[in-house]
Amino acid sequence: MVIPMDILTSPWVIIPLIMIILIGNMAAFKYLTPKNLDAYKKKESDLDRLIELDKKRRKALNDEETENKKKDTEH
């Protein structure tokens, strides 16, 4: 089935396509307001949270290790 080119260039086809594109862009911008973007920026990624937890764990292990060394030297 071949669609004639005059149907694609008809105002009855072009106007709804333009309206669909404009409405879609407006809906997308609704979620991309600066208020919403700040909320997305503040969220930490899973990798950042894991790195932070690993740093805390390593620090706790090092603190525990130094306390054990102090106890060993006291005895």
Protein backbone atom coordinates (compact mmCIF):
# COMPACT_ATOMS: atom_id res chain seq x y z
CA MET A 1 0.00 0.00 0.00
CA VAL A 2 1.45 3.31 -1.10
CA ILE A 3 0.47 6.52 0.68
CA PRO A 4 0.21 9.45 -1.69
CA MET A 5 2.46 12.39 -0.75
CA ASP A 6 -0.41 14.86 -0.89
CA ILE A 7 -1.99 13.16 2.17
CA LEU A 8 1.22 13.58 4.22
CA THR A 9 1.47 17.27 3.34
CA SER A 10 -2.20 17.90 4.08
CA PRO A 11 -2.92 20.42 6.85
CA TRP A 12 -5.12 17.75 8.48
CA VAL A 13 -2.00 15.63 9.04
CA ILE A 14 0.58 18.34 9.67
CA ILE A 15 -1.39 20.26 12.33
CA PRO A 16 -2.06 17.22 14.60
CA LEU A 17 1.60 16.16 14.29
CA ILE A 18 2.77 19.61 15.35
CA MET A 19 0.28 19.64 18.24
CA ILE A 20 1.46 16.20 19.42
CA ILE A 21 5.08 17.36 19.37
CA LEU A 22 4.28 20.59 21.24
CA ILE A 23 2.17 18.85 23.88
CA GLY A 24 4.84 16.20 24.37
CA ASN A 25 7.52 18.86 24.84
CA MET A 26 5.36 20.78 27.31
CA ALA A 27 4.77 17.58 29.32
CA ALA A 28 8.51 16.90 29.36
CA PHE A 29 9.34 20.43 30.49
CA LYS A 30 6.81 20.08 33.30
CA TYR A 31 9.12 17.49 34.87
CA LEU A 32 12.31 19.38 34.03
CA THR A 33 11.59 22.53 36.01
CA PRO A 34 14.46 23.81 38.15
CA LYS A 35 12.57 22.74 41.28
CA ASN A 36 12.47 19.13 40.10
CA LEU A 37 16.03 19.19 38.78
CA ASP A 38 17.32 20.19 42.24
CA ALA A 39 15.62 17.14 43.71
CA TYR A 40 17.31 14.89 41.15
CA LYS A 41 20.72 16.47 41.74
CA LYS A 42 20.51 15.99 45.51
CA LYS A 43 19.91 12.26 45.22
CA GLU A 44 23.06 10.24 45.64
CA SER A 45 23.69 7.45 43.27
CA ASP A 46 24.02 3.93 44.61
CA LEU A 47 27.72 3.98 43.83
CA ASP A 48 28.26 7.16 45.86
CA ARG A 49 26.41 5.67 48.82
CA LEU A 50 28.43 2.46 48.60
CA ILE A 51 31.70 4.39 48.49
CA GLU A 52 30.66 6.40 51.55
CA LEU A 53 29.65 3.25 53.45
CA ASP A 54 32.94 1.58 52.53
CA LYS A 55 34.91 4.59 53.82
CA LYS A 56 33.01 4.45 57.12
CA ARG A 57 33.57 0.70 57.42
CA ARG A 58 37.29 1.03 56.71
CA LYS A 59 37.59 3.85 59.23
CA ALA A 60 35.81 1.75 61.85
CA LEU A 61 38.08 -1.21 61.14
CA ASN A 62 41.19 0.98 61.38
CA ASP A 63 39.97 2.49 64.67
CA GLU A 64 39.29 -0.99 66.01
CA GLU A 65 42.71 -2.16 64.89
CA THR A 66 44.51 0.73 66.58
CA GLU A 67 42.58 0.11 69.82
CA ASN A 68 43.61 -3.54 69.73
CA LYS A 69 47.26 -2.55 69.20
CA LYS A 70 47.06 -0.16 72.16
CA LYS A 71 45.61 -2.90 74.34
CA ASP A 72 48.32 -5.30 73.26
CA THR A 73 51.09 -2.84 74.08
CA GLU A 74 49.59 -2.09 77.51
CA HIS A 75 49.69 -5.76 78.58
